[in-house]
């Protein structure tokens, strides 16, 4: 047996084949994972910025709309203020014109009262100076009344102007006694008194 085995080459037994392993997936480089996360962050930041831009655009439109409404309101209020100022000026002019009219009327009345007081004084003086049996000169009295009725030159009385003497002094005698005689004379002669 030994001989038989002697001439044959020595063979080493082969191991039995085992199931082959599936190929390993290629290992990802760590930089690829970092890149993917960074790309995800950048994309998310871009989407957030787009949303923020849209929000700011809407807000800008809202502020622009409000500004236009504010400008319209300012123009309306400026127009209203100008209208009110114009109305105020017109009302002020109207009131000043009315005041001047009243002032002129008052001045006319004061001057007429002064004239009437002067006429009454002259009548009373004439009645006192006449003799008891004499008659009143109606022509002179009429001329005096006509002269007093003529419109006086208008001037505004000043606060320091003195009052006519008839107003300041008042009648010296009882008014009825002073007028009784001239009125009786006028009635006797049949002369009618002319109205103003």
N, C-alpha and C. Protein backbone atom coordinates (compact mmCIF):
# COMPACT_ATOMS: atom_id res chain seq x y z
N UNK A 1 0.79 -1.14 0.00
CA UNK A 1 0.00 0.00 0.00
C UNK A 1 0.84 1.22 0.00
N UNK A 2 1.80 0.98 0.54
CA UNK A 2 2.69 2.12 0.56
C UNK A 2 3.23 2.36 -0.80
N UNK A 3 3.35 1.27 -1.52
CA UNK A 3 3.90 1.45 -2.83
C UNK A 3 2.90 2.14 -3.74
N UNK A 4 1.83 1.79 -3.57
CA UNK A 4 0.81 2.34 -4.42
C UNK A 4 0.71 3.82 -4.17
N UNK A 5 0.81 4.18 -3.03
CA UNK A 5 0.66 5.59 -2.71
C UNK A 5 1.95 6.34 -3.05
N UNK A 6 2.92 5.63 -3.28
CA UNK A 6 4.18 6.28 -3.53
C UNK A 6 4.28 6.90 -4.87
N UNK A 7 3.81 6.50 -5.77
CA UNK A 7 3.97 7.01 -7.11
C UNK A 7 2.96 8.14 -7.39
N UNK A 8 2.03 8.35 -6.66
CA UNK A 8 1.02 9.38 -6.94
C UNK A 8 1.42 10.67 -6.23
N UNK A 9 1.10 11.64 -6.93
CA UNK A 9 1.44 12.90 -6.30
C UNK A 9 0.55 13.19 -5.12
N UNK A 10 1.03 13.96 -4.33
CA UNK A 10 0.32 14.25 -3.11
C UNK A 10 -0.70 15.36 -3.43
N UNK A 11 -1.91 15.17 -3.10
CA UNK A 11 -3.00 16.13 -3.41
C UNK A 11 -3.54 16.67 -2.09
N UNK A 12 -3.70 17.91 -2.11
CA UNK A 12 -4.26 18.52 -0.90
C UNK A 12 -5.77 18.66 -1.10
N UNK A 13 -6.45 18.34 -0.13
CA UNK A 13 -7.91 18.43 -0.33
C UNK A 13 -8.36 19.90 -0.46
N UNK A 14 -9.30 20.08 -1.28
CA UNK A 14 -9.86 21.41 -1.55
C UNK A 14 -11.02 21.65 -0.62
N UNK A 15 -11.03 22.79 -0.19
CA UNK A 15 -12.16 23.04 0.71
C UNK A 15 -13.45 23.11 -0.08
N UNK A 16 -14.46 22.85 0.56
CA UNK A 16 -15.78 22.83 -0.07
C UNK A 16 -16.21 24.28 -0.31
N UNK A 17 -16.73 24.49 -1.45
CA UNK A 17 -17.14 25.87 -1.70
C UNK A 17 -18.32 26.27 -0.81
N UNK A 18 -18.26 27.41 -0.29
CA UNK A 18 -19.35 27.91 0.56
C UNK A 18 -20.20 28.87 -0.29
N UNK A 19 -21.33 29.19 0.22
CA UNK A 19 -22.20 30.13 -0.53
C UNK A 19 -21.49 31.47 -0.69
N UNK A 20 -21.51 31.98 -1.85
CA UNK A 20 -20.81 33.25 -2.04
C UNK A 20 -21.58 34.38 -1.35
N UNK A 21 -20.85 35.32 -0.83
CA UNK A 21 -21.50 36.45 -0.15
C UNK A 21 -22.00 37.45 -1.17
N UNK A 22 -23.12 38.08 -0.82
CA UNK A 22 -23.59 39.13 -1.76
C UNK A 22 -22.60 40.28 -1.74
N UNK A 23 -22.46 40.94 -2.84
CA UNK A 23 -21.48 42.03 -2.86
C UNK A 23 -21.90 43.15 -1.90
N UNK A 24 -20.97 43.69 -1.23
CA UNK A 24 -21.26 44.77 -0.27
C UNK A 24 -21.62 46.03 -1.04
N UNK A 25 -22.60 46.70 -0.53
CA UNK A 25 -22.93 47.97 -1.21
C UNK A 25 -21.75 48.91 -1.05
N UNK A 26 -21.56 49.74 -2.04
CA UNK A 26 -20.41 50.63 -1.92
C UNK A 26 -20.61 51.57 -0.76
N UNK A 27 -19.61 51.73 -0.02
CA UNK A 27 -19.71 52.60 1.15
C UNK A 27 -19.79 54.05 0.70
N UNK A 28 -20.79 54.72 1.29
CA UNK A 28 -20.93 56.14 0.95
C UNK A 28 -19.87 56.91 1.71
N UNK A 29 -19.45 57.84 1.00
CA UNK A 29 -18.47 58.69 1.61
C UNK A 29 -19.20 59.60 2.60
N UNK A 30 -18.64 59.92 3.68
CA UNK A 30 -19.24 60.76 4.70
C UNK A 30 -19.53 62.15 4.13
N UNK A 31 -18.75 62.63 3.20
CA UNK A 31 -18.96 63.95 2.61
C UNK A 31 -20.25 63.99 1.81
N UNK A 32 -20.66 62.88 1.22
CA UNK A 32 -21.91 62.85 0.47
C UNK A 32 -23.09 63.06 1.40
N UNK A 33 -23.09 62.49 2.58
CA UNK A 33 -24.19 62.68 3.53
C UNK A 33 -24.25 64.14 3.99
N UNK A 34 -23.09 64.70 4.24
CA UNK A 34 -23.04 66.11 4.65
C UNK A 34 -23.57 66.98 3.52
N UNK A 35 -23.18 66.66 2.29
CA UNK A 35 -23.64 67.44 1.14
C UNK A 35 -25.15 67.35 1.00
N UNK A 36 -25.69 66.15 1.20
CA UNK A 36 -27.14 65.97 1.08
C UNK A 36 -27.87 66.77 2.15
N UNK A 37 -27.38 66.76 3.37
CA UNK A 37 -28.02 67.54 4.43
C UNK A 37 -27.91 69.03 4.15
N UNK A 38 -26.76 69.46 3.66
CA UNK A 38 -26.58 70.88 3.34
C UNK A 38 -27.50 71.29 2.19
N UNK A 39 -27.62 70.42 1.17
CA UNK A 39 -28.51 70.72 0.05
C UNK A 39 -29.95 70.82 0.54
N UNK A 40 -30.34 69.92 1.47
CA UNK A 40 -31.70 69.96 2.03
C UNK A 40 -31.92 71.26 2.80
N UNK A 41 -30.92 71.68 3.59
CA UNK A 41 -31.03 72.94 4.33
C UNK A 41 -31.14 74.14 3.39
N UNK A 42 -30.32 74.14 2.35
CA UNK A 42 -30.35 75.25 1.39
C UNK A 42 -31.70 75.29 0.68
N UNK A 43 -32.20 74.15 0.28
CA UNK A 43 -33.50 74.10 -0.40
C UNK A 43 -34.60 74.59 0.54
N UNK A 44 -34.55 74.15 1.80
CA UNK A 44 -35.57 74.58 2.76
C UNK A 44 -35.46 76.10 3.00
N UNK A 45 -34.22 76.59 3.11
CA UNK A 45 -34.03 78.02 3.31
C UNK A 45 -34.54 78.80 2.09
N UNK A 46 -34.30 78.27 0.90
CA UNK A 46 -34.80 78.91 -0.31
C UNK A 46 -36.33 78.96 -0.30
N UNK A 47 -36.97 77.86 0.07
CA UNK A 47 -38.44 77.84 0.14
C UNK A 47 -38.95 78.82 1.20
N UNK A 48 -38.25 78.88 2.34
CA UNK A 48 -38.65 79.85 3.38
C UNK A 48 -38.50 81.29 2.87
N UNK A 49 -37.42 81.55 2.13
CA UNK A 49 -37.21 82.89 1.59
C UNK A 49 -38.28 83.24 0.55
N UNK A 50 -38.65 82.25 -0.27
CA UNK A 50 -39.71 82.49 -1.26
C UNK A 50 -41.02 82.81 -0.53
N UNK A 51 -41.33 82.05 0.53
CA UNK A 51 -42.54 82.33 1.32
C UNK A 51 -42.46 83.72 1.95
N UNK A 52 -41.30 84.08 2.49
CA UNK A 52 -41.12 85.39 3.12
C UNK A 52 -41.27 86.51 2.08
N UNK A 53 -40.72 86.28 0.88
CA UNK A 53 -40.84 87.28 -0.19
C UNK A 53 -42.31 87.46 -0.57
N UNK A 54 -43.03 86.34 -0.66
CA UNK A 54 -44.47 86.44 -0.96
C UNK A 54 -45.21 87.20 0.14
N UNK A 55 -44.90 86.89 1.40
CA UNK A 55 -45.56 87.56 2.51
C UNK A 55 -45.23 89.06 2.51
N UNK A 56 -43.95 89.38 2.29
CA UNK A 56 -43.55 90.78 2.25
C UNK A 56 -44.18 91.52 1.05
N UNK A 57 -44.34 90.82 -0.06
CA UNK A 57 -45.01 91.41 -1.22
C UNK A 57 -46.46 91.74 -0.91
N UNK A 58 -47.15 90.79 -0.24
CA UNK A 58 -48.54 91.06 0.15
C UNK A 58 -48.61 92.22 1.14
N UNK A 59 -47.67 92.23 2.09
CA UNK A 59 -47.64 93.32 3.07
C UNK A 59 -47.34 94.66 2.38
N UNK A 60 -46.43 94.65 1.39
CA UNK A 60 -46.13 95.87 0.64
C UNK A 60 -47.36 96.36 -0.10
N UNK A 61 -48.10 95.44 -0.71
CA UNK A 61 -49.33 95.83 -1.41
C UNK A 61 -50.34 96.44 -0.43
N UNK A 62 -50.45 95.83 0.75
CA UNK A 62 -51.38 96.35 1.77
C UNK A 62 -50.96 97.76 2.21
N UNK A 63 -49.66 97.96 2.45
CA UNK A 63 -49.19 99.29 2.87
C UNK A 63 -49.36 100.30 1.75
N UNK A 64 -49.12 99.87 0.52
CA UNK A 64 -49.32 100.76 -0.62
C UNK A 64 -50.79 101.17 -0.74
N UNK A 65 -51.69 100.20 -0.54
CA UNK A 65 -53.13 100.50 -0.58
C UNK A 65 -53.50 101.48 0.53
N UNK A 66 -52.95 101.22 1.73
CA UNK A 66 -53.24 102.14 2.84
C UNK A 66 -52.69 103.53 2.57
N UNK A 67 -51.49 103.61 2.00
CA UNK A 67 -50.89 104.92 1.70
C UNK A 67 -51.74 105.67 0.68
N UNK A 68 -52.23 104.97 -0.34
CA UNK A 68 -53.08 105.62 -1.33
C UNK A 68 -54.38 106.10 -0.70
N UNK A 69 -54.95 105.28 0.19
CA UNK A 69 -56.17 105.71 0.88
C UNK A 69 -55.88 106.91 1.78
N UNK A 70 -54.72 106.90 2.45
CA UNK A 70 -54.34 108.03 3.30
C UNK A 70 -54.15 109.30 2.48
N UNK A 71 -53.52 109.18 1.31
CA UNK A 71 -53.34 110.36 0.46
C UNK A 71 -54.68 110.90 0.00
N UNK A 72 -55.59 110.00 -0.36
CA UNK A 72 -56.93 110.44 -0.78
C UNK A 72 -57.64 111.14 0.38
N UNK A 73 -57.50 110.61 1.58
CA UNK A 73 -58.13 111.22 2.75
C UNK A 73 -57.52 112.60 3.04
N UNK A 74 -56.20 112.70 2.89
CA UNK A 74 -55.53 114.00 3.11
C UNK A 74 -56.03 115.02 2.10
N UNK A 75 -56.14 114.62 0.82
CA UNK A 75 -56.63 115.54 -0.20
C UNK A 75 -58.07 115.96 0.10
N UNK A 76 -58.90 115.00 0.55
CA UNK A 76 -60.29 115.32 0.87
C UNK A 76 -60.36 116.30 2.03
N UNK A 77 -59.54 116.06 3.06
CA UNK A 77 -59.55 116.94 4.22
C UNK A 77 -58.99 118.33 3.88
N UNK A 78 -57.97 118.38 3.01
CA UNK A 78 -57.44 119.68 2.59
C UNK A 78 -58.49 120.46 1.81
N UNK A 79 -59.23 119.76 0.93
CA UNK A 79 -60.29 120.43 0.17
C UNK A 79 -61.39 120.91 1.11
N UNK A 80 -61.74 120.09 2.08
CA UNK A 80 -62.77 120.49 3.03
C UNK A 80 -62.32 121.69 3.86
N UNK A 81 -61.03 121.68 4.28
CA UNK A 81 -60.51 122.81 5.04
C UNK A 81 -60.53 124.08 4.20
N UNK A 82 -60.17 123.97 2.91
CA UNK A 82 -60.21 125.14 2.03
C UNK A 82 -61.65 125.63 1.86
N UNK A 83 -62.60 124.70 1.71
CA UNK A 83 -64.00 125.08 1.58
C UNK A 83 -64.49 125.77 2.85
N UNK A 84 -64.11 125.23 4.00
CA UNK A 84 -64.54 125.84 5.27
C UNK A 84 -63.91 127.22 5.46
N UNK A 85 -62.65 127.37 5.07
CA UNK A 85 -62.01 128.68 5.17
C UNK A 85 -62.70 129.69 4.26
N UNK A 86 -63.05 129.26 3.04
CA UNK A 86 -63.77 130.14 2.12
C UNK A 86 -65.12 130.52 2.68
N UNK A 87 -65.85 129.54 3.23
CA UNK A 87 -67.16 129.83 3.82
C UNK A 87 -67.01 130.78 5.01
N UNK A 88 -65.96 130.58 5.80
CA UNK A 88 -65.72 131.45 6.95
C UNK A 88 -65.43 132.87 6.50
N UNK A 89 -64.62 133.02 5.46
CA UNK A 89 -64.31 134.36 4.95
C UNK A 89 -65.56 135.03 4.40
N UNK A 90 -66.39 134.25 3.65
CA UNK A 90 -67.62 134.83 3.12
C UNK A 90 -68.55 135.25 4.25
N UNK A 91 -68.67 134.40 5.27
CA UNK A 91 -69.53 134.74 6.41
C UNK A 91 -68.98 135.96 7.14
N UNK A 92 -67.68 136.04 7.28
CA UNK A 92 -67.07 137.19 7.96
C UNK A 92 -67.31 138.47 7.16
N UNK A 93 -67.16 138.39 5.83
CA UNK A 93 -67.44 139.57 5.00
C UNK A 93 -68.90 139.98 5.12
N UNK A 94 -69.79 139.00 5.12
CA UNK A 94 -71.22 139.28 5.24
C UNK A 94 -71.51 139.96 6.57
N UNK A 95 -70.93 139.42 7.64
CA UNK A 95 -71.17 140.01 8.96
C UNK A 95 -70.59 141.41 9.07
N UNK A 96 -69.41 141.63 8.47
CA UNK A 96 -68.82 142.96 8.51
C UNK A 96 -69.68 143.95 7.73
N UNK A 97 -70.20 143.53 6.58
CA UNK A 97 -71.08 144.40 5.80
C UNK A 97 -72.35 144.72 6.60
N UNK A 98 -72.91 143.70 7.23
CA UNK A 98 -74.10 143.89 8.04
C UNK A 98 -73.80 144.82 9.22
N UNK A 99 -72.66 144.63 9.85
CA UNK A 99 -72.27 145.49 10.97
C UNK A 99 -72.12 146.93 10.51
N UNK A 100 -71.49 147.13 9.35
CA UNK A 100 -71.33 148.48 8.83
C UNK A 100 -72.69 149.12 8.53
N UNK A 101 -73.62 148.31 7.99
CA UNK A 101 -74.97 148.83 7.74
C UNK A 101 -75.64 149.26 9.03
N UNK A 102 -75.53 148.44 10.07
CA UNK A 102 -76.12 148.81 11.37
C UNK A 102 -75.44 150.04 11.95
N UNK A 103 -74.14 150.12 11.79
CA UNK A 103 -73.41 151.27 12.31
C UNK A 103 -73.88 152.55 11.60
N UNK A 104 -74.05 152.47 10.26
CA UNK A 104 -74.54 153.63 9.51
C UNK A 104 -75.95 154.02 9.95
N UNK A 105 -76.79 153.02 10.16
CA UNK A 105 -78.16 153.31 10.63
C UNK A 105 -78.11 153.99 12.00
N UNK A 106 -77.28 153.47 12.87
CA UNK A 106 -77.16 154.07 14.20
C UNK A 106 -76.69 155.51 14.10
N UNK A 107 -75.68 155.75 13.25
CA UNK A 107 -75.18 157.11 13.09
C UNK A 107 -76.27 158.03 12.55
N UNK A 108 -77.05 157.51 11.57
CA UNK A 108 -78.16 158.32 11.05
C UNK A 108 -79.18 158.63 12.12
N UNK A 109 -79.51 157.62 12.92
CA UNK A 109 -80.49 157.84 14.00
C UNK A 109 -79.97 158.84 15.02
N UNK A 110 -78.69 158.73 15.37
CA UNK A 110 -78.12 159.67 16.35
C UNK A 110 -78.16 161.08 15.79
N UNK A 111 -77.78 161.23 14.51
CA UNK A 111 -77.80 162.57 13.93
C UNK A 111 -79.23 163.10 13.81
N UNK A 112 -80.19 162.21 13.52
CA UNK A 112 -81.59 162.64 13.47
C UNK A 112 -82.08 163.04 14.85
N UNK A 113 -81.68 162.30 15.87
CA UNK A 113 -82.06 162.68 17.24
C UNK A 113 -81.45 164.03 17.60
N UNK A 114 -80.22 164.26 17.19
CA UNK A 114 -79.57 165.54 17.46
C UNK A 114 -80.35 166.66 16.76
N UNK A 115 -80.72 166.42 15.49
CA UNK A 115 -81.47 167.43 14.74
C UNK A 115 -82.83 167.67 15.37
N UNK A 116 -83.52 166.58 15.74
CA UNK A 116 -84.84 166.72 16.37
C UNK A 116 -84.72 167.46 17.69
N UNK A 117 -83.70 167.16 18.46
CA UNK A 117 -83.50 167.87 19.74
C UNK A 117 -83.26 169.35 19.51
N UNK A 118 -82.46 169.65 18.46
CA UNK A 118 -82.20 171.06 18.15
C UNK A 118 -83.48 171.77 17.74
N UNK A 119 -84.31 171.11 16.93
CA UNK A 119 -85.59 171.70 16.50
C UNK A 119 -86.48 171.95 17.70
N UNK A 120 -86.58 170.97 18.58
CA UNK A 120 -87.44 171.13 19.76
C UNK A 120 -86.94 172.28 20.62
N UNK A 121 -85.64 172.38 20.78
CA UNK A 121 -85.09 173.49 21.56
C UNK A 121 -85.40 174.83 20.93
N UNK A 122 -85.25 174.91 19.61
CA UNK A 122 -85.56 176.17 18.94
C UNK A 122 -87.03 176.51 19.08
N UNK A 123 -87.88 175.50 18.99
CA UNK A 123 -89.32 175.74 19.16
C UNK A 123 -89.60 176.23 20.58
N UNK A 124 -88.98 175.61 21.55
CA UNK A 124 -89.21 176.01 22.93
C UNK A 124 -88.66 177.41 23.17
N UNK A 125 -87.48 177.72 22.61
CA UNK A 125 -86.93 179.06 22.75
C UNK A 125 -87.82 180.08 22.08
N UNK A 126 -88.33 179.73 20.91
CA UNK A 126 -89.21 180.65 20.19
C UNK A 126 -90.49 180.87 20.98
N UNK A 127 -91.01 179.81 21.59
CA UNK A 127 -92.25 179.94 22.37
C UNK A 127 -92.01 180.79 23.61
N UNK A 128 -90.85 180.68 24.20
CA UNK A 128 -90.56 181.45 25.41
C UNK A 128 -90.30 182.92 25.11
N UNK A 129 -89.70 183.23 23.97
CA UNK A 129 -89.34 184.62 23.67
C UNK A 129 -90.50 185.41 23.11
N UNK A 130 -91.47 184.76 22.60
CA UNK A 130 -92.61 185.48 22.01
C UNK A 130 -93.43 186.13 23.10
N UNK A 131 -94.06 187.18 22.74
CA UNK A 131 -94.95 187.85 23.68
C UNK A 131 -96.18 187.01 23.85
N UNK A 132 -96.91 187.27 24.89
CA UNK A 132 -98.05 186.42 25.20
C UNK A 132 -99.12 186.51 24.13
N UNK A 133 -99.31 187.62 23.50
CA UNK A 133 -100.37 187.75 22.51
C UNK A 133 -99.85 187.54 21.10
N UNK A 134 -98.57 187.36 20.88
CA UNK A 134 -98.02 187.27 19.54
C UNK A 134 -98.26 185.90 18.91
N UNK A 135 -98.03 185.88 17.62
CA UNK A 135 -98.22 184.64 16.90
C UNK A 135 -96.85 184.08 16.49
N UNK A 136 -96.85 182.80 16.27
CA UNK A 136 -95.63 182.14 15.84
C UNK A 136 -95.51 182.34 14.34
N UNK A 137 -94.32 182.72 13.93
CA UNK A 137 -94.09 182.89 12.51
C UNK A 137 -93.95 181.51 11.89
N UNK A 138 -95.00 181.08 11.22
CA UNK A 138 -95.03 179.72 10.67
C UNK A 138 -94.04 179.54 9.53
N UNK A 139 -93.79 180.56 8.78
CA UNK A 139 -92.82 180.45 7.68
C UNK A 139 -91.42 180.18 8.21
N UNK A 140 -91.04 180.92 9.25
CA UNK A 140 -89.73 180.72 9.84
C UNK A 140 -89.62 179.32 10.44
N UNK A 141 -90.71 178.91 11.12
CA UNK A 141 -90.72 177.56 11.72
C UNK A 141 -90.61 176.49 10.65
N UNK A 142 -91.34 176.63 9.55
CA UNK A 142 -91.30 175.65 8.47
C UNK A 142 -89.90 175.61 7.85
N UNK A 143 -89.30 176.80 7.64
CA UNK A 143 -87.95 176.84 7.07
C UNK A 143 -86.94 176.17 8.00
N UNK A 144 -87.11 176.41 9.28
CA UNK A 144 -86.21 175.78 10.26
C UNK A 144 -86.36 174.27 10.25
N UNK A 145 -87.61 173.81 10.16
CA UNK A 145 -87.86 172.35 10.15
C UNK A 145 -87.29 171.76 8.86
N UNK A 146 -87.52 172.43 7.72
CA UNK A 146 -86.99 171.92 6.45
C UNK A 146 -85.46 171.86 6.48
N UNK A 147 -84.85 172.88 7.02
CA UNK A 147 -83.39 172.89 7.12
C UNK A 147 -82.88 171.76 8.02
N UNK A 148 -83.61 171.48 9.08
CA UNK A 148 -83.20 170.43 10.01
C UNK A 148 -83.45 169.04 9.43
N UNK A 149 -84.42 168.92 8.55
CA UNK A 149 -84.74 167.60 7.98
C UNK A 149 -83.74 167.21 6.92
N UNK A 150 -83.10 168.17 6.28
CA UNK A 150 -82.11 167.84 5.26
C UNK A 150 -81.08 166.89 5.85
N UNK A 151 -80.66 165.89 5.02
CA UNK A 151 -79.71 164.92 5.57
C UNK A 151 -78.40 165.60 5.96
N UNK A 152 -77.99 165.40 7.16
CA UNK A 152 -76.74 166.01 7.61
C UNK A 152 -75.54 165.29 6.99
N UNK A 153 -74.42 165.96 7.02
CA UNK A 153 -73.18 165.33 6.56
C UNK A 153 -72.86 164.22 7.55
N UNK A 154 -72.68 163.03 6.96
CA UNK A 154 -72.50 161.88 7.85
C UNK A 154 -71.09 161.86 8.42
N UNK A 155 -71.04 161.74 9.67
CA UNK A 155 -69.77 161.50 10.34
C UNK A 155 -70.10 160.64 11.55
N UNK A 156 -69.18 159.81 11.88
CA UNK A 156 -69.40 158.93 13.02
C UNK A 156 -69.16 159.71 14.30
N UNK A 157 -70.15 159.66 15.22
CA UNK A 157 -69.91 160.35 16.49
C UNK A 157 -68.84 159.60 17.26
N UNK A 158 -68.03 160.36 17.91
CA UNK A 158 -66.98 159.76 18.71
C UNK A 158 -67.47 159.64 20.14
N UNK A 159 -66.88 158.73 20.89
CA UNK A 159 -67.36 158.52 22.26
C UNK A 159 -67.28 159.78 23.13
N UNK A 160 -66.40 160.71 22.82
CA UNK A 160 -66.25 161.89 23.65
C UNK A 160 -67.12 163.06 23.20
N UNK A 161 -67.89 162.90 22.07
CA UNK A 161 -68.72 164.00 21.59
C UNK A 161 -69.76 164.38 22.64
N UNK A 162 -69.97 165.69 22.82
CA UNK A 162 -71.00 166.10 23.80
C UNK A 162 -72.39 165.89 23.20
N UNK A 163 -73.35 165.67 24.05
CA UNK A 163 -74.74 165.51 23.61
C UNK A 163 -75.30 166.90 23.32
N UNK A 164 -76.32 166.98 22.49
CA UNK A 164 -76.94 168.28 22.26
C UNK A 164 -77.45 168.83 23.59
N UNK A 165 -77.55 170.14 23.63
CA UNK A 165 -77.92 170.76 24.91
C UNK A 165 -79.32 170.37 25.35
N UNK A 166 -80.22 170.13 24.38
CA UNK A 166 -81.57 169.74 24.77
C UNK A 166 -81.57 168.39 25.46
N UNK A 167 -80.69 167.50 24.98
CA UNK A 167 -80.64 166.18 25.60
C UNK A 167 -79.94 166.27 26.94
N UNK A 168 -78.88 167.04 27.01
CA UNK A 168 -78.12 167.13 28.26
C UNK A 168 -78.88 167.93 29.31
N UNK A 169 -79.51 169.04 28.92
CA UNK A 169 -80.15 169.94 29.87
C UNK A 169 -81.57 169.49 30.19
N UNK A 170 -82.29 169.04 29.18
CA UNK A 170 -83.69 168.69 29.38
C UNK A 170 -84.53 169.95 29.30
N UNK A 171 -85.83 169.84 29.26
CA UNK A 171 -86.69 171.02 29.16
C UNK A 171 -86.63 171.84 30.45
N UNK A 172 -86.63 173.16 30.27
CA UNK A 172 -86.58 174.05 31.43
C UNK A 172 -87.92 174.15 32.11
N UNK A 173 -88.97 174.08 31.34
CA UNK A 173 -90.32 174.19 31.88
C UNK A 173 -91.06 172.89 31.62
N UNK A 174 -92.24 172.86 32.05
CA UNK A 174 -93.08 171.70 31.81
C UNK A 174 -93.34 171.60 30.32
N UNK A 175 -93.13 170.46 29.67
CA UNK A 175 -93.24 170.38 28.21
C UNK A 175 -94.62 170.74 27.71
N UNK A 176 -95.65 170.33 28.42
CA UNK A 176 -97.00 170.63 27.93
C UNK A 176 -97.25 172.12 27.90
N UNK A 177 -96.76 172.84 28.88
CA UNK A 177 -96.99 174.28 28.92
C UNK A 177 -96.27 174.97 27.78
N UNK A 178 -95.10 174.49 27.40
CA UNK A 178 -94.35 175.12 26.33
C UNK A 178 -94.99 174.89 24.97
N UNK A 179 -95.55 173.73 24.79
CA UNK A 179 -96.12 173.41 23.49
C UNK A 179 -97.59 173.82 23.36
N UNK A 180 -98.24 174.02 24.44
CA UNK A 180 -99.67 174.30 24.41
C UNK A 180 -99.98 175.55 23.59
N UNK A 181 -99.20 176.60 23.81
CA UNK A 181 -99.45 177.86 23.12
C UNK A 181 -99.20 177.75 21.63
N UNK A 182 -98.03 177.23 21.15
CA UNK A 182 -97.83 177.15 19.70
C UNK A 182 -98.83 176.23 19.03
N UNK A 183 -99.20 175.15 19.69
CA UNK A 183 -100.16 174.24 19.08
C UNK A 183 -101.51 174.92 18.96
N UNK A 184 -101.90 175.67 19.98
CA UNK A 184 -103.18 176.38 19.92
C UNK A 184 -103.16 177.40 18.79
N UNK A 185 -102.03 178.06 18.59
CA UNK A 185 -101.92 179.03 17.50
C UNK A 185 -102.02 178.34 16.15
N UNK A 186 -101.36 177.19 16.02
CA UNK A 186 -101.43 176.48 14.74
C UNK A 186 -102.85 176.05 14.45
N UNK A 187 -103.54 175.60 15.48
CA UNK A 187 -104.91 175.15 15.28
C UNK A 187 -105.82 176.33 14.90
N UNK A 188 -105.58 177.51 15.45
CA UNK A 188 -106.39 178.69 15.14
C UNK A 188 -106.20 179.10 13.70
N UNK A 189 -104.96 179.04 13.23
CA UNK A 189 -104.71 179.52 11.88
C UNK A 189 -105.05 178.47 10.84
N UNK A 190 -105.28 177.23 11.24
CA UNK A 190 -105.67 176.18 10.30
C UNK A 190 -104.51 175.61 9.51
N UNK A 191 -103.29 175.84 9.93
CA UNK A 191 -102.12 175.30 9.24
C UNK A 191 -101.91 173.87 9.70
N UNK A 192 -101.82 172.97 8.71
CA UNK A 192 -101.58 171.57 9.07
C UNK A 192 -100.09 171.33 9.15
N UNK A 193 -99.73 170.51 10.06
CA UNK A 193 -98.32 170.19 10.23
C UNK A 193 -97.91 169.15 9.18
N UNK A 194 -96.79 169.39 8.54
CA UNK A 194 -96.30 168.46 7.53
C UNK A 194 -95.51 167.35 8.23
N UNK A 195 -95.73 166.12 7.76
CA UNK A 195 -94.96 164.97 8.33
C UNK A 195 -93.60 164.88 7.70
N UNK A 196 -92.72 164.15 8.34
CA UNK A 196 -91.36 164.02 7.79
C UNK A 196 -91.37 163.17 6.54
